[in-house]
Amino acid sequence: MSDSSDEDLSPDWIPYSRRKEWSDVTPLAQDDGDYPVVAIAYSPRFREVYDYFRAILANKEKSLRALELIKDALQLNPANYTVWQYRREILKELNCNLYDELEYIEDVIRDNPKNYQVWHHRRVIVETLKDPNNELDLTEVVLNMDAKNYHAWQHRQWVIRTYDLYENELSYVDRLIAEDIRNNSAWNQRFFVLRHFGLTAEVIQRELQYTMNRIRVVKNNESAWNFLRGLLKQSDGSLDQHTDVVDFIVELYENGSRSPYLVAFLIELYEEKSLQNGEDVSEQEAYAKKVYSLCDDMSKKHDVIRRKYWQYIAERLHAKLEGRVP
């Protein structure tokens, strides 16, 4: 349980020990044992709120005043799973208006957009209501604050998948990529949507062109290169069979681009060609030499941090050509 600032509660906040309506409750102090290894210095306000929360939890009290107490507890520590769980139990017991709860949790999310427990509570309420109408708007607001908020994306994917809200998602993703071409979360969302509709040969070809056009804008964009690789893995045949992609990669290289993602594609292409059955021996050797040269460049210039990996790739190809490994 983490201690938050007293500023989380209003300056005119009245301690529960001074409230007449709580005089029937005996606060229950936290038991850290006789010799706690690390004694946490809770503020007096934090300690009092959670002492009263433990009391109502022990007494299994489910009331409106308990809900208000829980609001204070969550302001001080919005990551406390037990508090959220007990709040859900009270909401169910009192048959509360869950649309009011959605408004409350939206405010909490805006203040705590990267808190897992907050998003989990939101999901449970939406599932109970079976009403996802506000979820895409909410996640869009949060993603405008931080375009790579994992929890917002996770919630968005869940609501789209659960309630079949795919229809307009591709246009939303297009807008995000246009705003920030390096937004890896948006690229991931694009793949999520495409897989739902089906990665047919026609769709893959369209997306290959889309991605290559984006790479032309920013050649060292890992997100786009990963997306391109993902598309190719969904298609049949080897890289060599996608002549448009091969021509694109070779053209970029010949025009001076040395993006490590581009060079990695070339290595894969030339390794594939050097191992093709029926290829002229001299051609195989020529492609193998290209692999060795590019791996050397990667290990010394373009991807030094993974130099041992690229050394391994070259050594592995050499062993394969000698028949020492399958």
C-alpha atoms as a PDB file:
ATOM      1  CA  MET A   1       0.000   0.000   0.000  1.00  0.00           C
ATOM      2  CA  SER A   2       1.614   3.220  -1.092  1.00  0.00           C
ATOM      3  CA  ASP A   3       1.140   6.480   0.758  1.00  0.00           C
ATOM      4  CA  SER A   4      -0.078   9.437  -1.242  1.00  0.00           C
ATOM      5  CA  SER A   5       0.054  13.128  -0.474  1.00  0.00           C
ATOM      6  CA  ASP A   6      -2.438  14.722   1.884  1.00  0.00           C
ATOM      7  CA  GLU A   7      -3.161  17.106  -0.979  1.00  0.00           C
ATOM      8  CA  ASP A   8      -5.232  14.286  -2.541  1.00  0.00           C
ATOM      9  CA  LEU A   9      -7.994  15.183  -0.087  1.00  0.00           C
ATOM     10  CA  SER A  10      -9.550  18.650   0.158  1.00  0.00           C
ATOM     11  CA  PRO A  11      -8.097  21.087   2.729  1.00  0.00           C
ATOM     12  CA  ASP A  12     -11.436  21.190   4.563  1.00  0.00           C
ATOM     13  CA  TRP A  13     -11.443  17.415   4.931  1.00  0.00           C
ATOM     14  CA  ILE A  14     -12.726  16.315   8.369  1.00  0.00           C
ATOM     15  CA  PRO A  15     -11.119  13.299  10.073  1.00  0.00           C
ATOM     16  CA  TYR A  16     -13.497  10.349  10.442  1.00  0.00           C
ATOM     17  CA  SER A  17     -12.804  10.278  14.183  1.00  0.00           C
ATOM     18  CA  ARG A  18     -14.493  13.693  14.407  1.00  0.00           C
ATOM     19  CA  ARG A  19     -17.565  12.807  12.341  1.00  0.00           C
ATOM     20  CA  LYS A  20     -20.677  11.975  14.350  1.00  0.00           C
ATOM     21  CA  GLU A  21     -21.992   9.619  11.692  1.00  0.00           C
ATOM     22  CA  TRP A  22     -18.872   7.463  12.135  1.00  0.00           C
ATOM     23  CA  SER A  23     -18.886   7.420  15.944  1.00  0.00           C
ATOM     24  CA  ASP A  24     -20.231   3.862  15.964  1.00  0.00           C
ATOM     25  CA  VAL A  25     -17.144   2.537  14.142  1.00  0.00           C
ATOM     26  CA  THR A  26     -13.933   1.584  15.894  1.00  0.00           C
ATOM     27  CA  PRO A  27     -10.993   2.046  13.522  1.00  0.00           C
ATOM     28  CA  LEU A  28      -8.848  -1.003  12.909  1.00  0.00           C
ATOM     29  CA  ALA A  29      -5.119  -0.282  12.790  1.00  0.00           C
ATOM     30  CA  GLN A  30      -2.856  -2.061  10.354  1.00  0.00           C
ATOM     31  CA  ASP A  31      -0.981  -4.956  11.917  1.00  0.00           C
ATOM     32  CA  ASP A  32       2.621  -4.905  10.731  1.00  0.00           C
ATOM     33  CA  GLY A  33       3.775  -7.294  13.437  1.00  0.00           C
ATOM     34  CA  ASP A  34       6.027  -6.573  16.369  1.00  0.00           C
ATOM     35  CA  TYR A  35       9.170  -6.058  14.324  1.00  0.00           C
ATOM     36  CA  PRO A  36       8.355  -4.810  10.811  1.00  0.00           C
ATOM     37  CA  VAL A  37      11.365  -4.960   8.503  1.00  0.00           C
ATOM     38  CA  VAL A  38      10.464  -1.661   6.860  1.00  0.00           C
ATOM     39  CA  ALA A  39       8.029   0.561   8.723  1.00  0.00           C
ATOM     40  CA  ILE A  40       6.212   2.797   6.255  1.00  0.00           C
ATOM     41  CA  ALA A  41       5.741   6.381   7.429  1.00  0.00           C
ATOM     42  CA  TYR A  42       2.048   6.807   6.610  1.00  0.00           C
ATOM     43  CA  SER A  43       0.644  10.294   7.002  1.00  0.00           C
ATOM     44  CA  PRO A  44      -1.929  10.701   9.802  1.00  0.00           C
ATOM     45  CA  ARG A  45      -4.668  11.278   7.214  1.00  0.00           C
ATOM     46  CA  PHE A  46      -3.727   8.189   5.226  1.00  0.00           C
ATOM     47  CA  ARG A  47      -3.558   6.062   8.361  1.00  0.00           C
ATOM     48  CA  GLU A  48      -6.958   7.219   9.599  1.00  0.00           C
ATOM     49  CA  VAL A  49      -8.756   6.611   6.283  1.00  0.00           C
ATOM     50  CA  TYR A  50      -7.389   3.100   5.956  1.00  0.00           C
ATOM     51  CA  ASP A  51      -7.982   2.292   9.629  1.00  0.00           C
ATOM     52  CA  TYR A  52     -11.668   3.056   9.070  1.00  0.00           C
ATOM     53  CA  PHE A  53     -11.668   1.162   5.795  1.00  0.00           C
ATOM     54  CA  ARG A  54     -10.290  -1.934   7.508  1.00  0.00           C
ATOM     55  CA  ALA A  55     -13.044  -1.575  10.118  1.00  0.00           C
ATOM     56  CA  ILE A  56     -15.892  -1.525   7.587  1.00  0.00           C
ATOM     57  CA  LEU A  57     -14.261  -4.360   5.676  1.00  0.00           C
ATOM     58  CA  ALA A  58     -14.028  -6.457   8.831  1.00  0.00           C
ATOM     59  CA  ASN A  59     -17.666  -5.661   9.673  1.00  0.00           C
ATOM     60  CA  LYS A  60     -18.746  -6.318   6.064  1.00  0.00           C
ATOM     61  CA  GLU A  61     -20.552  -3.003   6.020  1.00  0.00           C
ATOM     62  CA  LYS A  62     -22.041  -2.164   2.627  1.00  0.00           C
ATOM     63  CA  SER A  63     -23.512   1.317   2.782  1.00  0.00           C
ATOM     64  CA  LEU A  64     -23.454   4.713   1.082  1.00  0.00           C
ATOM     65  CA  ARG A  65     -21.137   6.060   3.743  1.00  0.00           C
ATOM     66  CA  ALA A  66     -18.778   3.165   3.040  1.00  0.00           C
ATOM     67  CA  LEU A  67     -18.736   4.176  -0.638  1.00  0.00           C
ATOM     68  CA  GLU A  68     -17.758   7.709   0.325  1.00  0.00           C
ATOM     69  CA  LEU A  69     -15.016   6.411   2.609  1.00  0.00           C
ATOM     70  CA  ILE A  70     -13.735   4.283  -0.242  1.00  0.00           C
ATOM     71  CA  LYS A  71     -13.512   7.364  -2.455  1.00  0.00           C
ATOM     72  CA  ASP A  72     -11.157   8.902   0.091  1.00  0.00           C
ATOM     73  CA  ALA A  73      -9.153   5.688   0.279  1.00  0.00           C
ATOM     74  CA  LEU A  74      -8.817   5.550  -3.506  1.00  0.00           C
ATOM     75  CA  GLN A  75      -7.768   9.165  -3.735  1.00  0.00           C
ATOM     76  CA  LEU A  76      -4.920   8.319  -1.396  1.00  0.00           C
ATOM     77  CA  ASN A  77      -4.036   5.040  -3.082  1.00  0.00           C
ATOM     78  CA  PRO A  78      -5.839   4.317  -6.372  1.00  0.00           C
ATOM     79  CA  ALA A  79      -3.808   1.137  -6.934  1.00  0.00           C
ATOM     80  CA  ASN A  80      -5.280  -0.775  -3.984  1.00  0.00           C
ATOM     81  CA  TYR A  81      -7.007  -3.853  -5.417  1.00  0.00           C
ATOM     82  CA  THR A  82      -8.870  -4.715  -2.185  1.00  0.00           C
ATOM     83  CA  VAL A  83     -10.495  -1.294  -2.048  1.00  0.00           C
ATOM     84  CA  TRP A  84     -11.688  -1.501  -5.661  1.00  0.00           C
ATOM     85  CA  GLN A  85     -13.011  -5.011  -5.159  1.00  0.00           C
ATOM     86  CA  TYR A  86     -14.951  -4.028  -2.065  1.00  0.00           C
ATOM     87  CA  ARG A  87     -16.322  -0.996  -3.908  1.00  0.00           C
ATOM     88  CA  ARG A  88     -17.727  -3.333  -6.568  1.00  0.00           C
ATOM     89  CA  GLU A  89     -19.335  -5.481  -3.900  1.00  0.00           C
ATOM     90  CA  ILE A  90     -21.035  -2.446  -2.369  1.00  0.00           C
ATOM     91  CA  LEU A  91     -22.240  -1.167  -5.746  1.00  0.00           C
ATOM     92  CA  LYS A  92     -23.850  -4.536  -6.414  1.00  0.00           C
ATOM     93  CA  GLU A  93     -25.345  -4.842  -2.920  1.00  0.00           C
ATOM     94  CA  LEU A  94     -26.902  -1.351  -3.046  1.00  0.00           C
ATOM     95  CA  ASN A  95     -27.951  -1.659  -6.688  1.00  0.00           C
ATOM     96  CA  CYS A  96     -26.243   1.663  -7.429  1.00  0.00           C
ATOM     97  CA  ASN A  97     -26.525   3.555 -10.701  1.00  0.00           C
ATOM     98  CA  LEU A  98     -23.529   2.232 -12.615  1.00  0.00           C
ATOM     99  CA  TYR A  99     -23.635   5.068 -15.118  1.00  0.00           C
ATOM    100  CA  ASP A 100     -22.780   7.371 -12.235  1.00  0.00           C
ATOM    101  CA  GLU A 101     -19.927   4.987 -11.497  1.00  0.00           C
ATOM    102  CA  LEU A 102     -18.688   5.298 -15.080  1.00  0.00           C
ATOM    103  CA  GLU A 103     -18.521   9.063 -14.660  1.00  0.00           C
ATOM    104  CA  TYR A 104     -16.626   8.660 -11.412  1.00  0.00           C
ATOM    105  CA  ILE A 105     -14.136   6.185 -12.848  1.00  0.00           C
ATOM    106  CA  GLU A 106     -13.539   8.399 -15.896  1.00  0.00           C
ATOM    107  CA  ASP A 107     -12.364  11.157 -13.574  1.00  0.00           C
ATOM    108  CA  VAL A 108     -10.112   8.695 -11.768  1.00  0.00           C
ATOM    109  CA  ILE A 109      -8.654   7.434 -15.045  1.00  0.00           C
ATOM    110  CA  ARG A 110      -7.877  10.961 -16.224  1.00  0.00           C
ATOM    111  CA  ASP A 111      -5.856  11.448 -13.033  1.00  0.00           C
ATOM    112  CA  ASN A 112      -4.351   7.931 -13.068  1.00  0.00           C
ATOM    113  CA  PRO A 113      -4.171   6.879 -16.725  1.00  0.00           C
ATOM    114  CA  LYS A 114      -1.523   4.197 -16.160  1.00  0.00           C
ATOM    115  CA  ASN A 115      -3.107   2.461 -13.203  1.00  0.00           C
ATOM    116  CA  TYR A 116      -4.102  -1.135 -13.971  1.00  0.00           C
ATOM    117  CA  GLN A 117      -6.679  -1.414 -11.165  1.00  0.00           C
ATOM    118  CA  VAL A 118      -8.529   1.647 -12.403  1.00  0.00           C
ATOM    119  CA  TRP A 119      -8.881   0.225 -15.917  1.00  0.00           C
ATOM    120  CA  HIS A 120      -9.878  -3.187 -14.564  1.00  0.00           C
ATOM    121  CA  HIS A 121     -12.675  -1.605 -12.535  1.00  0.00           C
ATOM    122  CA  ARG A 122     -13.851   0.231 -15.645  1.00  0.00           C
ATOM    123  CA  ARG A 123     -13.983  -3.030 -17.590  1.00  0.00           C
ATOM    124  CA  VAL A 124     -16.044  -4.782 -14.920  1.00  0.00           C
ATOM    125  CA  ILE A 125     -18.604  -1.950 -14.861  1.00  0.00           C
ATOM    126  CA  VAL A 126     -18.863  -1.901 -18.666  1.00  0.00           C
ATOM    127  CA  GLU A 127     -19.330  -5.672 -18.705  1.00  0.00           C
ATOM    128  CA  THR A 128     -22.051  -5.411 -16.090  1.00  0.00           C
ATOM    129  CA  LEU A 129     -23.897  -2.711 -18.037  1.00  0.00           C
ATOM    130  CA  LYS A 130     -23.154  -4.340 -21.402  1.00  0.00           C
ATOM    131  CA  ASP A 131     -22.736  -0.806 -22.708  1.00  0.00           C
ATOM    132  CA  PRO A 132     -19.450   0.086 -24.455  1.00  0.00           C
ATOM    133  CA  ASN A 133     -20.694   3.342 -26.005  1.00  0.00           C
ATOM    134  CA  ASN A 134     -18.263   5.661 -24.218  1.00  0.00           C
ATOM    135  CA  GLU A 135     -15.172   3.486 -24.235  1.00  0.00           C
ATOM    136  CA  LEU A 136     -13.626   4.431 -27.570  1.00  0.00           C
ATOM    137  CA  ASP A 137     -14.050   8.115 -26.810  1.00  0.00           C
ATOM    138  CA  LEU A 138     -12.499   7.681 -23.378  1.00  0.00           C
ATOM    139  CA  THR A 139      -9.478   5.771 -24.658  1.00  0.00           C
ATOM    140  CA  GLU A 140      -9.005   8.338 -27.405  1.00  0.00           C
ATOM    141  CA  VAL A 141      -8.899  11.106 -24.788  1.00  0.00           C
ATOM    142  CA  VAL A 142      -6.311   9.174 -22.780  1.00  0.00           C
ATOM    143  CA  LEU A 143      -4.256   8.351 -25.865  1.00  0.00           C
ATOM    144  CA  ASN A 144      -4.226  12.039 -26.764  1.00  0.00           C
ATOM    145  CA  MET A 145      -2.473  12.504 -23.428  1.00  0.00           C
ATOM    146  CA  ASP A 146      -0.031   9.650 -24.097  1.00  0.00           C
ATOM    147  CA  ALA A 147      -0.255   7.883 -27.447  1.00  0.00           C
ATOM    148  CA  LYS A 148       1.527   4.804 -26.107  1.00  0.00           C
ATOM    149  CA  ASN A 149      -0.442   4.206 -22.912  1.00  0.00           C
ATOM    150  CA  TYR A 150      -0.479   0.397 -22.734  1.00  0.00           C
ATOM    151  CA  HIS A 151      -3.516   0.220 -20.447  1.00  0.00           C
ATOM    152  CA  ALA A 152      -5.599   2.440 -22.718  1.00  0.00           C
ATOM    153  CA  TRP A 153      -4.667   0.356 -25.761  1.00  0.00           C
ATOM    154  CA  GLN A 154      -5.405  -2.865 -23.903  1.00  0.00           C
ATOM    155  CA  HIS A 155      -8.826  -1.553 -22.877  1.00  0.00           C
ATOM    156  CA  ARG A 156      -9.518  -0.317 -26.407  1.00  0.00           C
ATOM    157  CA  GLN A 157      -8.668  -3.678 -27.936  1.00  0.00           C
ATOM    158  CA  TRP A 158     -10.787  -5.469 -25.378  1.00  0.00           C
ATOM    159  CA  VAL A 159     -13.876  -3.341 -26.030  1.00  0.00           C
ATOM    160  CA  ILE A 160     -13.449  -3.525 -29.818  1.00  0.00           C
ATOM    161  CA  ARG A 161     -13.050  -7.298 -29.744  1.00  0.00           C
ATOM    162  CA  THR A 162     -15.820  -7.904 -27.200  1.00  0.00           C
ATOM    163  CA  TYR A 163     -18.446  -5.652 -28.780  1.00  0.00           C
ATOM    164  CA  ASP A 164     -17.349  -5.886 -32.430  1.00  0.00           C
ATOM    165  CA  LEU A 165     -16.447  -2.219 -32.836  1.00  0.00           C
ATOM    166  CA  TYR A 166     -13.893  -2.655 -35.616  1.00  0.00           C
ATOM    167  CA  GLU A 167     -15.712  -0.654 -38.294  1.00  0.00           C
ATOM    168  CA  ASN A 168     -14.013   2.741 -37.945  1.00  0.00           C
ATOM    169  CA  GLU A 169     -10.824   1.699 -36.212  1.00  0.00           C
ATOM    170  CA  LEU A 170      -8.613   1.615 -39.309  1.00  0.00           C
ATOM    171  CA  SER A 171      -9.336   5.258 -40.095  1.00  0.00           C
ATOM    172  CA  TYR A 172      -8.504   6.167 -36.488  1.00  0.00           C
ATOM    173  CA  VAL A 173      -5.198   4.329 -36.742  1.00  0.00           C
ATOM    174  CA  ASP A 174      -4.437   6.026 -40.058  1.00  0.00           C
ATOM    175  CA  ARG A 175      -4.837   9.370 -38.355  1.00  0.00           C
ATOM    176  CA  LEU A 176      -2.510   8.396 -35.522  1.00  0.00           C
ATOM    177  CA  ILE A 177       0.180   7.194 -37.921  1.00  0.00           C
ATOM    178  CA  ALA A 178      -0.176  10.395 -39.938  1.00  0.00           C
ATOM    179  CA  GLU A 179       0.341  12.385 -36.737  1.00  0.00           C
ATOM    180  CA  ASP A 180       3.307  10.298 -35.596  1.00  0.00           C
ATOM    181  CA  ILE A 181       4.696   7.821 -38.084  1.00  0.00           C
ATOM    182  CA  ARG A 182       6.842   6.218 -35.360  1.00  0.00           C
ATOM    183  CA  ASN A 183       3.884   5.407 -33.120  1.00  0.00           C
ATOM    184  CA  ASN A 184       4.530   1.693 -32.638  1.00  0.00           C
ATOM    185  CA  SER A 185       1.256   1.308 -30.700  1.00  0.00           C
ATOM    186  CA  ALA A 186      -0.726   2.579 -33.682  1.00  0.00           C
ATOM    187  CA  TRP A 187       1.114   0.197 -36.022  1.00  0.00           C
ATOM    188  CA  ASN A 188       0.323  -2.655 -33.656  1.00  0.00           C
ATOM    189  CA  GLN A 189      -3.337  -1.611 -33.586  1.00  0.00           C
ATOM    190  CA  ARG A 190      -3.397  -1.582 -37.375  1.00  0.00           C
ATOM    191  CA  PHE A 191      -2.255  -5.203 -37.437  1.00  0.00           C
ATOM    192  CA  PHE A 192      -4.855  -6.069 -34.785  1.00  0.00           C
ATOM    193  CA  VAL A 193      -7.642  -4.672 -36.978  1.00  0.00           C
ATOM    194  CA  LEU A 194      -6.358  -6.219 -40.213  1.00  0.00           C
ATOM    195  CA  ARG A 195      -6.153  -9.673 -38.689  1.00  0.00           C
ATOM    196  CA  HIS A 196      -9.811  -9.412 -37.699  1.00  0.00           C
ATOM    197  CA  PHE A 197     -10.959  -8.581 -41.224  1.00  0.00           C
ATOM    198  CA  GLY A 198      -8.637 -11.172 -42.742  1.00  0.00           C
ATOM    199  CA  LEU A 199      -5.185 -10.875 -44.264  1.00  0.00           C
ATOM    200  CA  THR A 200      -6.064 -11.973 -47.766  1.00  0.00           C
ATOM    201  CA  ALA A 201      -3.524 -11.751 -50.585  1.00  0.00           C
ATOM    202  CA  GLU A 202      -5.225  -8.550 -51.758  1.00  0.00           C
ATOM    203  CA  VAL A 203      -5.114  -6.959 -48.306  1.00  0.00           C
ATOM    204  CA  ILE A 204      -1.479  -7.957 -47.794  1.00  0.00           C
ATOM    205  CA  GLN A 205      -0.471  -6.430 -51.117  1.00  0.00           C
ATOM    206  CA  ARG A 206      -2.330  -3.205 -50.304  1.00  0.00           C
ATOM    207  CA  GLU A 207      -0.704  -3.034 -46.874  1.00  0.00           C
ATOM    208  CA  LEU A 208       2.752  -3.749 -48.288  1.00  0.00           C
ATOM    209  CA  GLN A 209       2.403  -0.707 -50.514  1.00  0.00           C
ATOM    210  CA  TYR A 210       1.029   1.357 -47.628  1.00  0.00           C
ATOM    211  CA  THR A 211       3.980   0.403 -45.428  1.00  0.00           C
ATOM    212  CA  MET A 212       6.642   0.931 -48.087  1.00  0.00           C
ATOM    213  CA  ASN A 213       5.264   4.409 -48.713  1.00  0.00           C
ATOM    214  CA  ARG A 214       5.601   5.172 -44.999  1.00  0.00           C
ATOM    215  CA  ILE A 215       9.148   3.810 -44.929  1.00  0.00           C
ATOM    216  CA  ARG A 216      10.071   6.114 -47.785  1.00  0.00           C
ATOM    217  CA  VAL A 217       9.110   9.012 -45.515  1.00  0.00           C
ATOM    218  CA  VAL A 218      11.134   7.779 -42.505  1.00  0.00           C
ATOM    219  CA  LYS A 219      13.603   5.079 -43.491  1.00  0.00           C
ATOM    220  CA  ASN A 220      14.850   4.293 -40.009  1.00  0.00           C
ATOM    221  CA  ASN A 221      11.415   3.657 -38.517  1.00  0.00           C
ATOM    222  CA  GLU A 222      11.523   0.336 -36.663  1.00  0.00           C
ATOM    223  CA  SER A 223       7.723   0.228 -36.276  1.00  0.00           C
ATOM    224  CA  ALA A 224       7.082   0.267 -40.018  1.00  0.00           C
ATOM    225  CA  TRP A 225       9.816  -2.289 -40.726  1.00  0.00           C
ATOM    226  CA  ASN A 226       8.377  -4.631 -38.100  1.00  0.00           C
ATOM    227  CA  PHE A 227       4.939  -4.193 -39.629  1.00  0.00           C
ATOM    228  CA  LEU A 228       6.362  -5.024 -43.059  1.00  0.00           C
ATOM    229  CA  ARG A 229       7.975  -8.172 -41.682  1.00  0.00           C
ATOM    230  CA  GLY A 230       4.723  -9.169 -39.993  1.00  0.00           C
ATOM    231  CA  LEU A 231       2.835  -8.841 -43.272  1.00  0.00           C
ATOM    232  CA  LEU A 232       5.372 -10.998 -45.107  1.00  0.00           C
ATOM    233  CA  LYS A 233       5.095 -13.711 -42.467  1.00  0.00           C
ATOM    234  CA  GLN A 234       1.345 -13.834 -43.121  1.00  0.00           C
ATOM    235  CA  SER A 235       1.831 -14.443 -46.831  1.00  0.00           C
ATOM    236  CA  ASP A 236       2.861 -17.597 -48.666  1.00  0.00           C
ATOM    237  CA  GLY A 237       6.264 -18.101 -50.186  1.00  0.00           C
ATOM    238  CA  SER A 238       9.718 -16.670 -49.581  1.00  0.00           C
ATOM    239  CA  LEU A 239      10.819 -13.049 -49.447  1.00  0.00           C
ATOM    240  CA  ASP A 240      12.279 -13.467 -52.928  1.00  0.00           C
ATOM    241  CA  GLN A 241       8.766 -14.017 -54.323  1.00  0.00           C
ATOM    242  CA  HIS A 242       7.697 -10.519 -53.276  1.00  0.00           C
ATOM    243  CA  THR A 243       9.589  -8.796 -56.067  1.00  0.00           C
ATOM    244  CA  ASP A 244       8.088  -5.381 -55.309  1.00  0.00           C
ATOM    245  CA  VAL A 245       9.398  -5.539 -51.745  1.00  0.00           C
ATOM    246  CA  VAL A 246      12.787  -6.808 -52.910  1.00  0.00           C
ATOM    247  CA  ASP A 247      13.068  -4.027 -55.491  1.00  0.00           C
ATOM    248  CA  PHE A 248      12.069  -1.490 -52.842  1.00  0.00           C
ATOM    249  CA  ILE A 249      14.723  -2.683 -50.384  1.00  0.00           C
ATOM    250  CA  VAL A 250      17.482  -2.849 -52.978  1.00  0.00           C
ATOM    251  CA  GLU A 251      16.550   0.604 -54.280  1.00  0.00           C
ATOM    252  CA  LEU A 252      16.786   2.114 -50.786  1.00  0.00           C
ATOM    253  CA  TYR A 253      20.160   0.494 -50.202  1.00  0.00           C
ATOM    254  CA  GLU A 254      21.550   1.601 -53.546  1.00  0.00           C
ATOM    255  CA  ASN A 255      20.362   5.147 -52.815  1.00  0.00           C
ATOM    256  CA  GLY A 256      22.459   5.248 -49.674  1.00  0.00           C
ATOM    257  CA  SER A 257      20.113   4.155 -46.883  1.00  0.00           C
ATOM    258  CA  ARG A 258      21.842   2.052 -44.219  1.00  0.00           C
ATOM    259  CA  SER A 259      18.988   1.593 -41.819  1.00  0.00           C
ATOM    260  CA  PRO A 260      19.783  -1.536 -39.776  1.00  0.00           C
ATOM    261  CA  TYR A 261      16.232  -2.763 -40.405  1.00  0.00           C
ATOM    262  CA  LEU A 262      16.742  -2.445 -44.153  1.00  0.00           C
ATOM    263  CA  VAL A 263      20.136  -4.171 -44.041  1.00  0.00           C
ATOM    264  CA  ALA A 264      18.632  -6.990 -41.953  1.00  0.00           C
ATOM    265  CA  PHE A 265      16.085  -7.560 -44.724  1.00  0.00           C
ATOM    266  CA  LEU A 266      18.865  -7.694 -47.308  1.00  0.00           C
ATOM    267  CA  ILE A 267      20.774 -10.233 -45.256  1.00  0.00           C
ATOM    268  CA  GLU A 268      17.681 -12.411 -45.038  1.00  0.00           C
ATOM    269  CA  LEU A 269      17.071 -12.080 -48.783  1.00  0.00           C
ATOM    270  CA  TYR A 270      20.644 -12.930 -49.813  1.00  0.00           C
ATOM    271  CA  GLU A 271      20.869 -15.777 -47.317  1.00  0.00           C
ATOM    272  CA  GLU A 272      17.677 -17.205 -48.783  1.00  0.00           C
ATOM    273  CA  LYS A 273      19.084 -16.973 -52.311  1.00  0.00           C
ATOM    274  CA  SER A 274      22.413 -18.525 -51.335  1.00  0.00           C
ATOM    275  CA  LEU A 275      20.627 -21.606 -49.989  1.00  0.00           C
ATOM    276  CA  GLN A 276      18.143 -22.097 -52.841  1.00  0.00           C
ATOM    277  CA  ASN A 277      18.313 -25.504 -54.507  1.00  0.00           C
ATOM    278  CA  GLY A 278      19.182 -25.374 -58.182  1.00  0.00           C
ATOM    279  CA  GLU A 279      20.955 -22.045 -57.855  1.00  0.00           C
ATOM    280  CA  ASP A 280      24.236 -21.833 -59.766  1.00  0.00           C
ATOM    281  CA  VAL A 281      27.157 -22.492 -57.396  1.00  0.00           C
ATOM    282  CA  SER A 282      28.891 -19.284 -58.378  1.00  0.00           C
ATOM    283  CA  GLU A 283      25.641 -17.380 -57.761  1.00  0.00           C
ATOM    284  CA  GLN A 284      25.292 -19.028 -54.358  1.00  0.00           C
ATOM    285  CA  GLU A 285      28.816 -17.985 -53.454  1.00  0.00           C
ATOM    286  CA  ALA A 286      28.177 -14.437 -54.632  1.00  0.00           C
ATOM    287  CA  TYR A 287      25.063 -14.138 -52.463  1.00  0.00           C
ATOM    288  CA  ALA A 288      26.886 -15.715 -49.517  1.00  0.00           C
ATOM    289  CA  LYS A 289      29.648 -13.124 -49.822  1.00  0.00           C
ATOM    290  CA  LYS A 290      27.031 -10.390 -49.729  1.00  0.00           C
ATOM    291  CA  VAL A 291      25.649 -11.864 -46.521  1.00  0.00           C
ATOM    292  CA  TYR A 292      29.113 -12.007 -44.943  1.00  0.00           C
ATOM    293  CA  SER A 293      29.842  -8.426 -45.982  1.00  0.00           C
ATOM    294  CA  LEU A 294      26.527  -7.075 -44.721  1.00  0.00           C
ATOM    295  CA  CYS A 295      26.818  -8.979 -41.442  1.00  0.00           C
ATOM    296  CA  ASP A 296      30.269  -7.456 -41.002  1.00  0.00           C
ATOM    297  CA  ASP A 297      28.833  -3.985 -41.631  1.00  0.00           C
ATOM    298  CA  MET A 298      26.053  -4.601 -39.123  1.00  0.00           C
ATOM    299  CA  SER A 299      28.463  -5.816 -36.439  1.00  0.00           C
ATOM    300  CA  LYS A 300      30.883  -2.914 -36.929  1.00  0.00           C
ATOM    301  CA  LYS A 301      28.743   0.024 -38.070  1.00  0.00           C
ATOM    302  CA  HIS A 302      24.964  -0.227 -38.100  1.00  0.00           C
ATOM    303  CA  ASP A 303      24.026  -2.545 -35.206  1.00  0.00           C
ATOM    304  CA  VAL A 304      27.123  -2.799 -33.042  1.00  0.00           C
ATOM    305  CA  ILE A 305      25.203  -3.658 -29.889  1.00  0.00           C
ATOM    306  CA  ARG A 306      24.192  -6.965 -31.531  1.00  0.00           C
ATOM    307  CA  ARG A 307      27.527  -7.656 -33.182  1.00  0.00           C
ATOM    308  CA  LYS A 308      27.722 -11.204 -31.821  1.00  0.00           C
ATOM    309  CA  TYR A 309      24.341 -11.988 -33.327  1.00  0.00           C
ATOM    310  CA  TRP A 310      25.418 -10.867 -36.779  1.00  0.00           C
ATOM    311  CA  GLN A 311      28.673 -12.781 -36.450  1.00  0.00           C
ATOM    312  CA  TYR A 312      26.593 -15.833 -35.606  1.00  0.00           C
ATOM    313  CA  ILE A 313      24.364 -15.327 -38.690  1.00  0.00           C
ATOM    314  CA  ALA A 314      27.421 -15.260 -40.949  1.00  0.00           C
ATOM    315  CA  GLU A 315      28.948 -18.319 -39.267  1.00  0.00           C
ATOM    316  CA  ARG A 316      25.686 -20.218 -39.452  1.00  0.00           C
ATOM    317  CA  LEU A 317      25.350 -19.592 -43.200  1.00  0.00           C
ATOM    318  CA  HIS A 318      28.943 -20.711 -43.733  1.00  0.00           C
ATOM    319  CA  ALA A 319      28.226 -23.952 -41.843  1.00  0.00           C
ATOM    320  CA  LYS A 320      25.037 -24.559 -43.830  1.00  0.00           C
ATOM    321  CA  LEU A 321      26.812 -24.144 -47.153  1.00  0.00           C
ATOM    322  CA  GLU A 322      29.477 -26.598 -46.041  1.00  0.00           C
ATOM    323  CA  GLY A 323      26.788 -29.059 -45.042  1.00  0.00           C
ATOM    324  CA  ARG A 324      27.741 -29.029 -41.368  1.00  0.00           C
ATOM    325  CA  VAL A 325      24.257 -28.003 -40.232  1.00  0.00           C
ATOM    326  CA  PRO A 326      20.846 -28.714 -41.810  1.00  0.00           C
END
